[in-house]
C-alpha atoms as a PDB file:
ATOM      1  CA  UNK A   1      31.590 117.142 146.650  1.00  0.00           C
ATOM      2  CA  UNK A   2      30.076 113.701 146.325  1.00  0.00           C
ATOM      3  CA  UNK A   3      27.273 112.874 148.750  1.00  0.00           C
ATOM      4  CA  UNK A   4      28.620 110.609 151.449  1.00  0.00           C
ATOM      5  CA  UNK A   5      26.491 107.677 152.468  1.00  0.00           C
ATOM      6  CA  UNK A   6      27.192 107.883 156.179  1.00  0.00           C
ATOM      7  CA  UNK A   7      23.707 107.735 157.684  1.00  0.00           C
ATOM      8  CA  UNK A   8      24.343 104.297 159.193  1.00  0.00           C
ATOM      9  CA  UNK A   9      27.366 105.564 161.077  1.00  0.00           C
ATOM     10  CA  UNK A  10      26.161 108.621 162.935  1.00  0.00           C
ATOM     11  CA  UNK A  11      26.209 107.375 166.516  1.00  0.00           C
ATOM     12  CA  UNK A  12      28.951 105.938 168.645  1.00  0.00           C
ATOM     13  CA  UNK A  13      26.694 103.076 169.688  1.00  0.00           C
ATOM     14  CA  UNK A  14      26.701 101.661 166.185  1.00  0.00           C
ATOM     15  CA  UNK A  15      30.489 101.829 166.038  1.00  0.00           C
ATOM     16  CA  UNK A  16      31.025  99.907 169.243  1.00  0.00           C
ATOM     17  CA  UNK A  17      28.671  97.051 168.413  1.00  0.00           C
ATOM     18  CA  UNK A  18      29.601  93.863 166.570  1.00  0.00           C
ATOM     19  CA  UNK A  19      33.349  93.967 166.975  1.00  0.00           C
ATOM     20  CA  UNK A  20      33.763  91.176 164.421  1.00  0.00           C
ATOM     21  CA  UNK A  21      32.637  93.527 161.674  1.00  0.00           C
ATOM     22  CA  UNK A  22      34.788  95.596 159.351  1.00  0.00           C
ATOM     23  CA  UNK A  23      34.120  99.309 158.950  1.00  0.00           C
ATOM     24  CA  UNK A  24      35.195 100.438 155.485  1.00  0.00           C
ATOM     25  CA  UNK A  25      35.859 104.012 154.419  1.00  0.00           C
ATOM     26  CA  UNK A  26      36.576 104.801 150.786  1.00  0.00           C
ATOM     27  CA  UNK A  27      38.643 107.852 149.899  1.00  0.00           C
ATOM     28  CA  UNK A  28      39.125 109.668 146.629  1.00  0.00           C
ATOM     29  CA  UNK A  29      42.859 110.357 146.481  1.00  0.00           C
ATOM     30  CA  UNK A  30      44.257 112.953 144.094  1.00  0.00           C
ATOM     31  CA  UNK A  31      48.012 113.388 143.929  1.00  0.00           C
ATOM     32  CA  UNK A  32      50.905 114.486 141.771  1.00  0.00           C
ATOM     33  CA  UNK A  33      53.179 111.623 140.820  1.00  0.00           C
ATOM     34  CA  UNK A  34      55.607 114.211 139.480  1.00  0.00           C
ATOM     35  CA  UNK A  35      55.808 117.343 141.648  1.00  0.00           C
ATOM     36  CA  UNK A  36      57.148 119.323 138.679  1.00  0.00           C
ATOM     37  CA  UNK A  37      53.919 118.813 136.716  1.00  0.00           C
ATOM     38  CA  UNK A  38      50.347 119.985 137.290  1.00  0.00           C
ATOM     39  CA  UNK A  39      48.848 116.664 136.191  1.00  0.00           C
ATOM     40  CA  UNK A  40      46.920 114.975 138.997  1.00  0.00           C
ATOM     41  CA  UNK A  41      46.298 111.251 139.314  1.00  0.00           C
ATOM     42  CA  UNK A  42      42.996 110.188 140.893  1.00  0.00           C
ATOM     43  CA  UNK A  43      42.414 106.829 142.558  1.00  0.00           C
ATOM     44  CA  UNK A  44      40.260 105.237 145.247  1.00  0.00           C
ATOM     45  CA  UNK A  45      41.736 103.786 148.428  1.00  0.00           C
ATOM     46  CA  UNK A  46      40.085 101.684 151.132  1.00  0.00           C
ATOM     47  CA  UNK A  47      40.539 102.165 154.855  1.00  0.00           C
ATOM     48  CA  UNK A  48      39.299  98.972 156.537  1.00  0.00           C
ATOM     49  CA  UNK A  49      39.000  99.218 160.307  1.00  0.00           C
ATOM     50  CA  UNK A  50      38.708  95.894 162.069  1.00  0.00           C
ATOM     51  CA  UNK A  51      38.814  94.871 165.678  1.00  0.00           C
ATOM     52  CA  UNK A  52      42.434  93.687 165.523  1.00  0.00           C
ATOM     53  CA  UNK A  53      43.925  95.325 162.430  1.00  0.00           C
ATOM     54  CA  UNK A  54      43.514  98.388 160.244  1.00  0.00           C
ATOM     55  CA  UNK A  55      44.493  98.265 156.574  1.00  0.00           C
ATOM     56  CA  UNK A  56      44.802 100.985 153.943  1.00  0.00           C
ATOM     57  CA  UNK A  57      45.224  99.913 150.317  1.00  0.00           C
ATOM     58  CA  UNK A  58      44.346 100.795 146.696  1.00  0.00           C
ATOM     59  CA  UNK A  59      40.824  99.796 145.692  1.00  0.00           C
ATOM     60  CA  UNK A  60      42.241  97.681 142.846  1.00  0.00           C
ATOM     61  CA  UNK A  61      43.118  95.025 145.437  1.00  0.00           C
ATOM     62  CA  UNK A  62      39.403  94.780 146.188  1.00  0.00           C
ATOM     63  CA  UNK A  63      38.450  94.705 142.506  1.00  0.00           C
ATOM     64  CA  UNK A  64      40.926  91.928 141.711  1.00  0.00           C
ATOM     65  CA  UNK A  65      39.822  89.867 144.693  1.00  0.00           C
ATOM     66  CA  UNK A  66      36.142  90.265 143.748  1.00  0.00           C
ATOM     67  CA  UNK A  67      36.824  89.108 140.183  1.00  0.00           C
ATOM     68  CA  UNK A  68      38.724  86.059 141.421  1.00  0.00           C
ATOM     69  CA  UNK A  69      36.038  85.170 143.993  1.00  0.00           C
ATOM     70  CA  UNK A  70      33.390  85.163 141.248  1.00  0.00           C
ATOM     71  CA  UNK A  71      35.579  83.309 138.711  1.00  0.00           C
ATOM     72  CA  UNK A  72      35.610  86.319 136.403  1.00  0.00           C
ATOM     73  CA  UNK A  73      38.796  86.685 134.345  1.00  0.00           C
ATOM     74  CA  UNK A  74      40.701  89.925 134.658  1.00  0.00           C
ATOM     75  CA  UNK A  75      39.991  92.025 131.537  1.00  0.00           C
ATOM     76  CA  UNK A  76      42.788  92.066 128.995  1.00  0.00           C
ATOM     77  CA  UNK A  77      45.086  95.086 129.270  1.00  0.00           C
ATOM     78  CA  UNK A  78      43.586  95.924 132.661  1.00  0.00           C
ATOM     79  CA  UNK A  79      46.204  97.749 134.730  1.00  0.00           C
ATOM     80  CA  UNK A  80      45.868  97.504 138.487  1.00  0.00           C
ATOM     81  CA  UNK A  81      47.448  99.656 141.172  1.00  0.00           C
ATOM     82  CA  UNK A  82      48.741  97.131 143.702  1.00  0.00           C
ATOM     83  CA  UNK A  83      51.670  99.281 144.773  1.00  0.00           C
ATOM     84  CA  UNK A  84      51.331  99.317 148.554  1.00  0.00           C
ATOM     85  CA  UNK A  85      49.536  98.152 151.674  1.00  0.00           C
ATOM     86  CA  UNK A  86      49.601  99.988 155.021  1.00  0.00           C
ATOM     87  CA  UNK A  87      48.613  98.211 158.236  1.00  0.00           C
ATOM     88  CA  UNK A  88      48.691  98.774 161.977  1.00  0.00           C
ATOM     89  CA  UNK A  89      46.864  97.730 165.117  1.00  0.00           C
ATOM     90  CA  UNK A  90      44.155  99.951 166.616  1.00  0.00           C
ATOM     91  CA  UNK A  91      45.650 102.548 168.946  1.00  0.00           C
ATOM     92  CA  UNK A  92      49.220 101.881 167.780  1.00  0.00           C
ATOM     93  CA  UNK A  93      51.559 104.326 166.066  1.00  0.00           C
ATOM     94  CA  UNK A  94      53.655 101.444 164.710  1.00  0.00           C
ATOM     95  CA  UNK A  95      52.906 100.987 161.016  1.00  0.00           C
ATOM     96  CA  UNK A  96      53.853  98.318 158.492  1.00  0.00           C
ATOM     97  CA  UNK A  97      54.308  99.564 154.933  1.00  0.00           C
ATOM     98  CA  UNK A  98      54.321  96.828 152.306  1.00  0.00           C
ATOM     99  CA  UNK A  99      56.030  98.231 149.216  1.00  0.00           C
ATOM    100  CA  UNK A 100      55.168  96.064 146.209  1.00  0.00           C
ATOM    101  CA  UNK A 101      57.995  95.982 143.650  1.00  0.00           C
ATOM    102  CA  UNK A 102      56.340  93.649 141.144  1.00  0.00           C
ATOM    103  CA  UNK A 103      57.163  90.154 142.501  1.00  0.00           C
ATOM    104  CA  UNK A 104      59.118  91.497 145.500  1.00  0.00           C
ATOM    105  CA  UNK A 105      57.306  92.838 148.576  1.00  0.00           C
ATOM    106  CA  UNK A 106      59.330  94.835 151.104  1.00  0.00           C
ATOM    107  CA  UNK A 107      57.929  95.149 154.626  1.00  0.00           C
ATOM    108  CA  UNK A 108      59.170  98.416 156.092  1.00  0.00           C
ATOM    109  CA  UNK A 109      58.064  99.137 159.665  1.00  0.00           C
ATOM    110  CA  UNK A 110      58.155 102.571 161.260  1.00  0.00           C
ATOM    111  CA  UNK A 111      56.751 104.542 164.155  1.00  0.00           C
ATOM    112  CA  UNK A 112      54.681 107.491 162.950  1.00  0.00           C
ATOM    113  CA  UNK A 113      53.724 109.900 165.752  1.00  0.00           C
ATOM    114  CA  UNK A 114      51.873 113.053 164.727  1.00  0.00           C
ATOM    115  CA  UNK A 115      51.342 116.226 166.734  1.00  0.00           C
ATOM    116  CA  UNK A 116      48.089 117.893 165.718  1.00  0.00           C
ATOM    117  CA  UNK A 117      47.021 121.436 166.509  1.00  0.00           C
ATOM    118  CA  UNK A 118      43.255 121.773 166.821  1.00  0.00           C
ATOM    119  CA  UNK A 119      41.748 124.993 165.514  1.00  0.00           C
ATOM    120  CA  UNK A 120      38.391 126.552 166.275  1.00  0.00           C
ATOM    121  CA  UNK A 121      37.407 126.457 162.615  1.00  0.00           C
ATOM    122  CA  UNK A 122      34.338 124.314 161.922  1.00  0.00           C
ATOM    123  CA  UNK A 123      32.022 123.609 158.990  1.00  0.00           C
ATOM    124  CA  UNK A 124      29.785 120.933 157.512  1.00  0.00           C
ATOM    125  CA  UNK A 125      30.848 118.454 154.858  1.00  0.00           C
ATOM    126  CA  UNK A 126      27.738 116.772 153.562  1.00  0.00           C
ATOM    127  CA  UNK A 127      25.801 115.739 156.684  1.00  0.00           C
ATOM    128  CA  UNK A 128      28.872 115.720 158.911  1.00  0.00           C
ATOM    129  CA  UNK A 129      30.034 118.444 161.300  1.00  0.00           C
ATOM    130  CA  UNK A 130      33.816 118.716 160.996  1.00  0.00           C
ATOM    131  CA  UNK A 131      36.632 120.612 162.676  1.00  0.00           C
ATOM    132  CA  UNK A 132      39.997 121.688 161.295  1.00  0.00           C
ATOM    133  CA  UNK A 133      43.392 120.547 162.567  1.00  0.00           C
ATOM    134  CA  UNK A 134      46.917 121.078 161.280  1.00  0.00           C
ATOM    135  CA  UNK A 135      50.243 119.287 161.544  1.00  0.00           C
ATOM    136  CA  UNK A 136      53.698 119.200 159.994  1.00  0.00           C
ATOM    137  CA  UNK A 137      54.641 115.606 159.234  1.00  0.00           C
ATOM    138  CA  UNK A 138      56.619 113.732 156.613  1.00  0.00           C
ATOM    139  CA  UNK A 139      58.186 116.922 155.292  1.00  0.00           C
ATOM    140  CA  UNK A 140      54.829 118.541 154.445  1.00  0.00           C
ATOM    141  CA  UNK A 141      52.319 120.851 156.130  1.00  0.00           C
ATOM    142  CA  UNK A 142      48.889 119.217 156.409  1.00  0.00           C
ATOM    143  CA  UNK A 143      45.348 120.459 156.983  1.00  0.00           C
ATOM    144  CA  UNK A 144      42.730 117.943 158.113  1.00  0.00           C
ATOM    145  CA  UNK A 145      38.997 118.120 158.681  1.00  0.00           C
ATOM    146  CA  UNK A 146      37.800 115.459 161.118  1.00  0.00           C
ATOM    147  CA  UNK A 147      34.428 114.541 162.568  1.00  0.00           C
ATOM    148  CA  UNK A 148      33.755 113.475 166.182  1.00  0.00           C
ATOM    149  CA  UNK A 149      30.504 111.956 164.823  1.00  0.00           C
ATOM    150  CA  UNK A 150      32.598 108.953 163.721  1.00  0.00           C
ATOM    151  CA  UNK A 151      34.789 108.240 166.751  1.00  0.00           C
ATOM    152  CA  UNK A 152      37.668 106.465 165.073  1.00  0.00           C
ATOM    153  CA  UNK A 153      41.030 108.177 165.543  1.00  0.00           C
ATOM    154  CA  UNK A 154      42.027 107.121 162.045  1.00  0.00           C
ATOM    155  CA  UNK A 155      42.450 108.493 158.545  1.00  0.00           C
ATOM    156  CA  UNK A 156      43.976 107.662 155.183  1.00  0.00           C
ATOM    157  CA  UNK A 157      47.538 106.372 154.857  1.00  0.00           C
ATOM    158  CA  UNK A 158      49.300 106.725 158.250  1.00  0.00           C
ATOM    159  CA  UNK A 159      47.315 109.728 159.451  1.00  0.00           C
ATOM    160  CA  UNK A 160      45.759 109.229 162.877  1.00  0.00           C
ATOM    161  CA  UNK A 161      45.348 110.608 166.376  1.00  0.00           C
ATOM    162  CA  UNK A 162      42.528 113.124 165.979  1.00  0.00           C
ATOM    163  CA  UNK A 163      39.346 112.801 168.103  1.00  0.00           C
ATOM    164  CA  UNK A 164      37.344 111.546 165.127  1.00  0.00           C
ATOM    165  CA  UNK A 165      37.704 110.165 161.626  1.00  0.00           C
ATOM    166  CA  UNK A 166      39.536 112.321 159.065  1.00  0.00           C
ATOM    167  CA  UNK A 167      37.080 113.323 156.334  1.00  0.00           C
ATOM    168  CA  UNK A 168      39.308 115.601 154.260  1.00  0.00           C
ATOM    169  CA  UNK A 169      43.082 115.991 154.217  1.00  0.00           C
ATOM    170  CA  UNK A 170      45.446 117.990 152.012  1.00  0.00           C
ATOM    171  CA  UNK A 171      48.908 119.549 152.054  1.00  0.00           C
ATOM    172  CA  UNK A 172      49.657 123.221 151.552  1.00  0.00           C
ATOM    173  CA  UNK A 173      51.385 122.633 148.181  1.00  0.00           C
ATOM    174  CA  UNK A 174      48.367 120.763 146.788  1.00  0.00           C
ATOM    175  CA  UNK A 175      50.375 117.639 146.033  1.00  0.00           C
ATOM    176  CA  UNK A 176      47.973 115.349 147.907  1.00  0.00           C
ATOM    177  CA  UNK A 177      44.255 115.556 148.621  1.00  0.00           C
ATOM    178  CA  UNK A 178      42.172 112.887 150.356  1.00  0.00           C
ATOM    179  CA  UNK A 179      38.373 113.047 150.423  1.00  0.00           C
ATOM    180  CA  UNK A 180      36.042 110.583 152.116  1.00  0.00           C
ATOM    181  CA  UNK A 181      33.299 109.635 149.660  1.00  0.00           C
ATOM    182  CA  UNK A 182      31.682 106.488 151.026  1.00  0.00           C
ATOM    183  CA  UNK A 183      31.430 104.260 154.082  1.00  0.00           C
ATOM    184  CA  UNK A 184      30.210 100.730 154.606  1.00  0.00           C
ATOM    185  CA  UNK A 185      29.753  98.425 157.560  1.00  0.00           C
ATOM    186  CA  UNK A 186      30.539  94.866 156.525  1.00  0.00           C
ATOM    187  CA  UNK A 187      28.772  92.046 158.329  1.00  0.00           C
ATOM    188  CA  UNK A 188      31.981  90.059 158.823  1.00  0.00           C
ATOM    189  CA  UNK A 189      35.748  90.610 158.879  1.00  0.00           C
ATOM    190  CA  UNK A 190      37.014  91.297 155.372  1.00  0.00           C
ATOM    191  CA  UNK A 191      39.720  89.093 153.904  1.00  0.00           C
ATOM    192  CA  UNK A 192      41.523  89.644 150.614  1.00  0.00           C
ATOM    193  CA  UNK A 193      43.524  86.795 149.113  1.00  0.00           C
ATOM    194  CA  UNK A 194      45.906  89.092 147.233  1.00  0.00           C
ATOM    195  CA  UNK A 195      46.683  91.230 150.256  1.00  0.00           C
ATOM    196  CA  UNK A 196      47.108  88.191 152.490  1.00  0.00           C
ATOM    197  CA  UNK A 197      49.391  86.577 149.896  1.00  0.00           C
ATOM    198  CA  UNK A 198      51.609  89.643 149.610  1.00  0.00           C
ATOM    199  CA  UNK A 199      51.851  90.120 153.357  1.00  0.00           C
ATOM    200  CA  UNK A 200      52.735  86.450 153.824  1.00  0.00           C
ATOM    201  CA  UNK A 201      55.567  86.538 151.302  1.00  0.00           C
ATOM    202  CA  UNK A 202      56.935  89.973 152.245  1.00  0.00           C
ATOM    203  CA  UNK A 203      60.540  90.453 153.322  1.00  0.00           C
ATOM    204  CA  UNK A 204      61.119  92.557 156.448  1.00  0.00           C
ATOM    205  CA  UNK A 205      63.786  95.271 156.028  1.00  0.00           C
ATOM    206  CA  UNK A 206      65.105  98.051 158.240  1.00  0.00           C
ATOM    207  CA  UNK A 207      65.632 101.645 157.096  1.00  0.00           C
ATOM    208  CA  UNK A 208      69.064 100.990 155.614  1.00  0.00           C
ATOM    209  CA  UNK A 209      68.036  97.751 153.906  1.00  0.00           C
ATOM    210  CA  UNK A 210      64.921  99.397 152.507  1.00  0.00           C
ATOM    211  CA  UNK A 211      66.859 102.206 150.825  1.00  0.00           C
ATOM    212  CA  UNK A 212      69.478  99.765 149.555  1.00  0.00           C
ATOM    213  CA  UNK A 213      66.778  97.536 148.065  1.00  0.00           C
ATOM    214  CA  UNK A 214      65.045 100.479 146.369  1.00  0.00           C
ATOM    215  CA  UNK A 215      68.331 101.714 144.868  1.00  0.00           C
ATOM    216  CA  UNK A 216      69.252  98.210 143.744  1.00  0.00           C
ATOM    217  CA  UNK A 217      65.858  97.842 142.108  1.00  0.00           C
ATOM    218  CA  UNK A 218      66.294 101.196 140.360  1.00  0.00           C
ATOM    219  CA  UNK A 219      69.780 100.374 139.043  1.00  0.00           C
ATOM    220  CA  UNK A 220      68.469  97.299 137.200  1.00  0.00           C
ATOM    221  CA  UNK A 221      64.743  96.633 137.653  1.00  0.00           C
ATOM    222  CA  UNK A 222      64.599  93.575 135.389  1.00  0.00           C
ATOM    223  CA  UNK A 223      67.760  92.062 136.861  1.00  0.00           C
ATOM    224  CA  UNK A 224      66.559  92.720 140.414  1.00  0.00           C
ATOM    225  CA  UNK A 225      63.225  91.011 139.775  1.00  0.00           C
ATOM    226  CA  UNK A 226      64.882  88.027 138.121  1.00  0.00           C
ATOM    227  CA  UNK A 227      67.443  87.583 140.887  1.00  0.00           C
ATOM    228  CA  UNK A 228      64.807  87.947 143.585  1.00  0.00           C
ATOM    229  CA  UNK A 229      62.756  85.111 142.115  1.00  0.00           C
ATOM    230  CA  UNK A 230      65.270  82.549 143.351  1.00  0.00           C
ATOM    231  CA  UNK A 231      66.714  81.952 139.917  1.00  0.00           C
ATOM    232  CA  UNK A 232      63.541  80.523 138.398  1.00  0.00           C
ATOM    233  CA  UNK A 233      63.215  83.460 136.027  1.00  0.00           C
ATOM    234  CA  UNK A 234      66.880  84.015 135.233  1.00  0.00           C
ATOM    235  CA  UNK A 235      66.460  82.776 131.664  1.00  0.00           C
ATOM    236  CA  UNK A 236      62.706  82.782 131.278  1.00  0.00           C
ATOM    237  CA  UNK A 237      60.249  85.474 130.247  1.00  0.00           C
ATOM    238  CA  UNK A 238      58.029  86.819 133.034  1.00  0.00           C
ATOM    239  CA  UNK A 239      55.180  89.248 133.495  1.00  0.00           C
ATOM    240  CA  UNK A 240      55.111  92.579 135.279  1.00  0.00           C
ATOM    241  CA  UNK A 241      52.038  93.496 137.298  1.00  0.00           C
ATOM    242  CA  UNK A 242      50.815  95.706 134.447  1.00  0.00           C
ATOM    243  CA  UNK A 243      50.758  92.718 132.093  1.00  0.00           C
ATOM    244  CA  UNK A 244      54.029  93.455 130.267  1.00  0.00           C
ATOM    245  CA  UNK A 245      55.811  90.281 129.163  1.00  0.00           C
ATOM    246  CA  UNK A 246      59.544  90.707 129.766  1.00  0.00           C
ATOM    247  CA  UNK A 247      61.922  88.602 127.690  1.00  0.00           C
ATOM    248  CA  UNK A 248      65.377  88.798 126.222  1.00  0.00           C
ATOM    249  CA  UNK A 249      64.107  90.843 123.280  1.00  0.00           C
ATOM    250  CA  UNK A 250      62.726  93.739 125.354  1.00  0.00           C
ATOM    251  CA  UNK A 251      64.523  93.523 128.717  1.00  0.00           C
ATOM    252  CA  UNK A 252      66.679  96.595 128.066  1.00  0.00           C
ATOM    253  CA  UNK A 253      63.721  98.652 126.895  1.00  0.00           C
ATOM    254  CA  UNK A 254      61.638  97.671 129.939  1.00  0.00           C
ATOM    255  CA  UNK A 255      64.605  98.423 132.204  1.00  0.00           C
ATOM    256  CA  UNK A 256      64.880 101.985 130.899  1.00  0.00           C
ATOM    257  CA  UNK A 257      61.121 102.537 131.031  1.00  0.00           C
ATOM    258  CA  UNK A 258      60.949 101.450 134.667  1.00  0.00           C
ATOM    259  CA  UNK A 259      63.982 103.533 135.646  1.00  0.00           C
ATOM    260  CA  UNK A 260      62.517 106.632 134.010  1.00  0.00           C
ATOM    261  CA  UNK A 261      59.216 106.153 135.836  1.00  0.00           C
ATOM    262  CA  UNK A 262      60.961 105.656 139.197  1.00  0.00           C
ATOM    263  CA  UNK A 263      62.951 108.887 138.756  1.00  0.00           C
ATOM    264  CA  UNK A 264      60.012 110.914 137.498  1.00  0.00           C
ATOM    265  CA  UNK A 265      57.337 109.666 139.883  1.00  0.00           C
ATOM    266  CA  UNK A 266      59.263 110.248 143.091  1.00  0.00           C
ATOM    267  CA  UNK A 267      56.879 112.448 145.066  1.00  0.00           C
ATOM    268  CA  UNK A 268      55.873 110.301 148.072  1.00  0.00           C
ATOM    269  CA  UNK A 269      53.470 111.350 150.802  1.00  0.00           C
ATOM    270  CA  UNK A 270      56.388 111.325 153.244  1.00  0.00           C
ATOM    271  CA  UNK A 271      58.545 113.734 151.284  1.00  0.00           C
ATOM    272  CA  UNK A 272      61.342 113.640 153.838  1.00  0.00           C
ATOM    273  CA  UNK A 273      61.740 109.916 153.090  1.00  0.00           C
ATOM    274  CA  UNK A 274      62.095 110.348 149.307  1.00  0.00           C
ATOM    275  CA  UNK A 275      65.046 108.423 147.887  1.00  0.00           C
ATOM    276  CA  UNK A 276      67.448 110.307 145.643  1.00  0.00           C
ATOM    277  CA  UNK A 277      67.959 108.248 142.526  1.00  0.00           C
ATOM    278  CA  UNK A 278      71.011 108.874 140.302  1.00  0.00           C
ATOM    279  CA  UNK A 279      70.376 109.932 136.714  1.00  0.00           C
END
């Protein structure tokens, strides 16, 4: 396991000082996009804990924002994961999930209570003393290792409620594995222009509207994106977030490629919320 640079965060006193700061935890996340395959995808995610808001998002948001802030052009053919943003207020079980469908951002809010069972099993991970806890949530059985040495009742994604930060987390089918690899204490609240932009232009939907929007997007991804742009792209070429230029000459091909990916990569963390897409 990678050595975690957590020496600056070993006492509760440090955590409670300077409330205008942002505490950042970076997780290695390994997961199966397709549950029928053994291939694992590995990415980094940030968990930013602020005084008023907590955000969880792919590291590529940070990379893109850093490039823009330093006037560095995004490398050609660079593909970014800007698929989702999770936010909630400290101590709240009410979460906002921003699902990024290219140029459409759906804001889906939900309450996510979790009932953890603490076990007596303990060990060390790096320089941290951790304890094991288990829960069944989102249609999966989860094992978590948390540390009281970092007294935040937070973790990756929507996981929360343990008496300390979650350091490791995985499900019993080995579809998802989260591992804390680094922590930072920023001297000021962190802002990200891309995240702020997406949150500002998001469309709030309830459970029914969310599923309807996802199915509508699946039935005709290109048409959905064009129609959702207010008509400005109805006859014009436009770019997907991965840099693909979509025009009249390749719209059908892109449509089929996106539909295939949506069907195949349908193994969400909350398995009980997976949408059944028609073939």
